[in-house]
Every structure is written in structure tokens, then in C-alpha cells.
Amino acid sequence: MPQPKKHNSHAERQAAYRKRQREALAAHLNEKGLPPLSAISTIPSRSRWHQAMSSIEAQMMRIEAEMEAYYDERSERWQQSDKAEEFDQKLEDLRAALKIVTEWIA
């Protein structure tokens, strides 16, 4: 037995699909705490970008604190090793990126 049709035409079916896609995107942005997209694609969504960059900044600050704690908890011998130098370079790169993000938000 065939399944009954939900839509009278292909156009109605496509419109329903586009509506579901818009609702899914809006729910995804809402879940992440971001404002909705601009209604017109040529208008910048500065508030959404600012919110996203603020979230990135908070995440990067958390990672920086964790990396510092990790480094401080290691032995003196480890802190003088080549691995520690590589780790320290990654931490410095993170700090440089964090500075850029912080300046972008300001």
C-alpha cells in the first residue's frame, strides 16, 4: 500500500524542505548561544561574529590555563627537556593567537 502524499505538488514539498532546513540552522545557532543570521546575506552579522569570537576567546583562555598548569606540574628535568621547549613554543603560539582574538573583539 503506497504512503499517502503529504504535499500536493513538488513546489510545496520543496518549500517544506527549505523551511525545515532554516529551522534546523536556527536551532543549531540557538544551541550554541549565537544570534540568528542576518535576513539579508549582504548585511554583516557583527553581533553573531562578536559572540562567536568571544566564545573562542574564552575557550582559548581555558586552554592556556590548562597548559600552564600542565607545565608547572611537570618535573624540573622535564621542564629542561626538548619536549618542554616544543610545548613552550606551542603555548607561546597560543598566546599570540589569543592576543589577536582579544584585539579583534575590542
C-alpha atoms as a PDB file:
ATOM      1  CA  MET A   1       0.000   0.000   0.000  1.00  0.00           C
ATOM      2  CA  PRO A   2       1.557   3.358  -1.031  1.00  0.00           C
ATOM      3  CA  GLN A   3       2.182   6.044   1.545  1.00  0.00           C
ATOM      4  CA  PRO A   4      -0.283   8.958   1.344  1.00  0.00           C
ATOM      5  CA  LYS A   5       1.101  12.210  -0.071  1.00  0.00           C
ATOM      6  CA  LYS A   6       1.830  14.990   2.401  1.00  0.00           C
ATOM      7  CA  HIS A   7       2.166  17.721  -0.227  1.00  0.00           C
ATOM      8  CA  ASN A   8       0.006  18.471  -3.252  1.00  0.00           C
ATOM      9  CA  SER A   9       2.898  19.498  -5.503  1.00  0.00           C
ATOM     10  CA  HIS A  10       6.668  19.395  -5.857  1.00  0.00           C
ATOM     11  CA  ALA A  11       6.792  23.108  -5.058  1.00  0.00           C
ATOM     12  CA  GLU A  12       5.051  22.563  -1.711  1.00  0.00           C
ATOM     13  CA  ARG A  13       7.385  19.694  -0.901  1.00  0.00           C
ATOM     14  CA  GLN A  14      10.455  21.846  -1.680  1.00  0.00           C
ATOM     15  CA  ALA A  15       9.089  24.741   0.355  1.00  0.00           C
ATOM     16  CA  ALA A  16       8.554  22.421   3.329  1.00  0.00           C
ATOM     17  CA  TYR A  17      12.126  21.118   2.945  1.00  0.00           C
ATOM     18  CA  ARG A  18      13.591  24.648   2.869  1.00  0.00           C
ATOM     19  CA  LYS A  19      11.562  25.558   5.953  1.00  0.00           C
ATOM     20  CA  ARG A  20      12.905  22.507   7.834  1.00  0.00           C
ATOM     21  CA  GLN A  21      16.463  23.467   6.836  1.00  0.00           C
ATOM     22  CA  ARG A  22      16.011  27.056   8.097  1.00  0.00           C
ATOM     23  CA  GLU A  23      14.550  25.797  11.366  1.00  0.00           C
ATOM     24  CA  ALA A  24      17.406  23.317  11.839  1.00  0.00           C
ATOM     25  CA  LEU A  25      20.005  26.058  11.268  1.00  0.00           C
ATOM     26  CA  ALA A  26      18.232  28.400  13.675  1.00  0.00           C
ATOM     27  CA  ALA A  27      18.069  25.662  16.317  1.00  0.00           C
ATOM     28  CA  HIS A  28      21.784  24.914  15.823  1.00  0.00           C
ATOM     29  CA  LEU A  29      22.752  28.585  16.262  1.00  0.00           C
ATOM     30  CA  ASN A  30      20.456  28.896  19.282  1.00  0.00           C
ATOM     31  CA  GLU A  31      22.005  25.792  20.832  1.00  0.00           C
ATOM     32  CA  LYS A  32      25.449  27.386  20.554  1.00  0.00           C
ATOM     33  CA  GLY A  33      24.156  30.659  22.014  1.00  0.00           C
ATOM     34  CA  LEU A  34      24.606  32.597  18.769  1.00  0.00           C
ATOM     35  CA  PRO A  35      22.172  35.189  17.435  1.00  0.00           C
ATOM     36  CA  PRO A  36      20.336  34.305  14.204  1.00  0.00           C
ATOM     37  CA  LEU A  37      21.831  35.028  10.778  1.00  0.00           C
ATOM     38  CA  SER A  38      21.036  38.311   9.068  1.00  0.00           C
ATOM     39  CA  ALA A  39      17.885  38.224   6.976  1.00  0.00           C
ATOM     40  CA  ILE A  40      19.812  39.679   4.035  1.00  0.00           C
ATOM     41  CA  SER A  41      23.102  37.953   3.212  1.00  0.00           C
ATOM     42  CA  THR A  42      24.852  41.236   2.342  1.00  0.00           C
ATOM     43  CA  ILE A  43      24.285  42.670   5.832  1.00  0.00           C
ATOM     44  CA  PRO A  44      27.114  41.698   8.206  1.00  0.00           C
ATOM     45  CA  SER A  45      26.144  39.739  11.280  1.00  0.00           C
ATOM     46  CA  ARG A  46      28.557  41.586  13.555  1.00  0.00           C
ATOM     47  CA  SER A  47      26.792  40.635  16.763  1.00  0.00           C
ATOM     48  CA  ARG A  48      26.893  36.945  15.801  1.00  0.00           C
ATOM     49  CA  TRP A  49      30.583  37.187  14.866  1.00  0.00           C
ATOM     50  CA  HIS A  50      31.376  39.021  18.093  1.00  0.00           C
ATOM     51  CA  GLN A  51      29.546  36.379  20.113  1.00  0.00           C
ATOM     52  CA  ALA A  52      31.413  33.579  18.327  1.00  0.00           C
ATOM     53  CA  MET A  53      34.794  35.271  18.803  1.00  0.00           C
ATOM     54  CA  SER A  54      34.026  35.833  22.496  1.00  0.00           C
ATOM     55  CA  SER A  55      33.323  32.122  22.805  1.00  0.00           C
ATOM     56  CA  ILE A  56      36.601  31.327  21.049  1.00  0.00           C
ATOM     57  CA  GLU A  57      38.457  33.710  23.366  1.00  0.00           C
ATOM     58  CA  ALA A  58      37.016  32.015  26.453  1.00  0.00           C
ATOM     59  CA  GLN A  59      37.942  28.583  25.103  1.00  0.00           C
ATOM     60  CA  MET A  60      41.491  29.702  24.290  1.00  0.00           C
ATOM     61  CA  MET A  61      41.914  31.221  27.765  1.00  0.00           C
ATOM     62  CA  ARG A  62      40.825  27.931  29.319  1.00  0.00           C
ATOM     63  CA  ILE A  63      43.321  26.017  27.172  1.00  0.00           C
ATOM     64  CA  GLU A  64      46.088  28.463  28.105  1.00  0.00           C
ATOM     65  CA  ALA A  65      45.391  27.987  31.813  1.00  0.00           C
ATOM     66  CA  GLU A  66      45.369  24.193  31.420  1.00  0.00           C
ATOM     67  CA  MET A  67      48.646  24.247  29.505  1.00  0.00           C
ATOM     68  CA  GLU A  68      50.293  26.459  32.136  1.00  0.00           C
ATOM     69  CA  ALA A  69      49.125  24.141  34.913  1.00  0.00           C
ATOM     70  CA  TYR A  70      50.385  21.118  32.974  1.00  0.00           C
ATOM     71  CA  TYR A  71      53.804  22.737  32.518  1.00  0.00           C
ATOM     72  CA  ASP A  72      54.046  23.744  36.185  1.00  0.00           C
ATOM     73  CA  GLU A  73      53.154  20.218  37.350  1.00  0.00           C
ATOM     74  CA  ARG A  74      55.985  18.598  35.377  1.00  0.00           C
ATOM     75  CA  SER A  75      59.336  17.825  36.958  1.00  0.00           C
ATOM     76  CA  GLU A  76      62.318  20.155  36.708  1.00  0.00           C
ATOM     77  CA  ARG A  77      64.031  17.607  34.486  1.00  0.00           C
ATOM     78  CA  TRP A  78      61.092  17.587  32.058  1.00  0.00           C
ATOM     79  CA  GLN A  79      60.935  21.395  32.017  1.00  0.00           C
ATOM     80  CA  GLN A  80      64.526  21.464  30.768  1.00  0.00           C
ATOM     81  CA  SER A  81      63.944  18.856  28.031  1.00  0.00           C
ATOM     82  CA  ASP A  82      63.372  19.290  24.297  1.00  0.00           C
ATOM     83  CA  LYS A  83      59.732  18.288  24.735  1.00  0.00           C
ATOM     84  CA  ALA A  84      59.296  21.161  27.166  1.00  0.00           C
ATOM     85  CA  GLU A  85      60.755  23.577  24.608  1.00  0.00           C
ATOM     86  CA  GLU A  86      58.296  22.330  21.968  1.00  0.00           C
ATOM     87  CA  PHE A  87      55.463  22.605  24.475  1.00  0.00           C
ATOM     88  CA  ASP A  88      56.527  26.119  25.442  1.00  0.00           C
ATOM     89  CA  GLN A  89      56.609  27.150  21.763  1.00  0.00           C
ATOM     90  CA  LYS A  90      53.042  25.876  21.308  1.00  0.00           C
ATOM     91  CA  LEU A  91      51.984  27.797  24.395  1.00  0.00           C
ATOM     92  CA  GLU A  92      53.567  30.973  23.018  1.00  0.00           C
ATOM     93  CA  ASP A  93      51.791  30.427  19.679  1.00  0.00           C
ATOM     94  CA  LEU A  94      48.516  30.054  21.550  1.00  0.00           C
ATOM     95  CA  ARG A  95      49.156  33.285  23.439  1.00  0.00           C
ATOM     96  CA  ALA A  96      49.882  35.114  20.175  1.00  0.00           C
ATOM     97  CA  ALA A  97      46.647  33.832  18.658  1.00  0.00           C
ATOM     98  CA  LEU A  98      44.748  34.743  21.822  1.00  0.00           C
ATOM     99  CA  LYS A  99      46.122  38.286  21.624  1.00  0.00           C
ATOM    100  CA  ILE A 100      44.822  38.583  18.049  1.00  0.00           C
ATOM    101  CA  VAL A 101      41.364  37.298  19.049  1.00  0.00           C
ATOM    102  CA  THR A 102      41.243  39.657  22.049  1.00  0.00           C
ATOM    103  CA  GLU A 103      42.175  42.650  19.870  1.00  0.00           C
ATOM    104  CA  TRP A 104      39.540  41.642  17.295  1.00  0.00           C
ATOM    105  CA  ILE A 105      36.839  41.649  19.954  1.00  0.00           C
ATOM    106  CA  ALA A 106      37.843  45.028  21.437  1.00  0.00           C
END
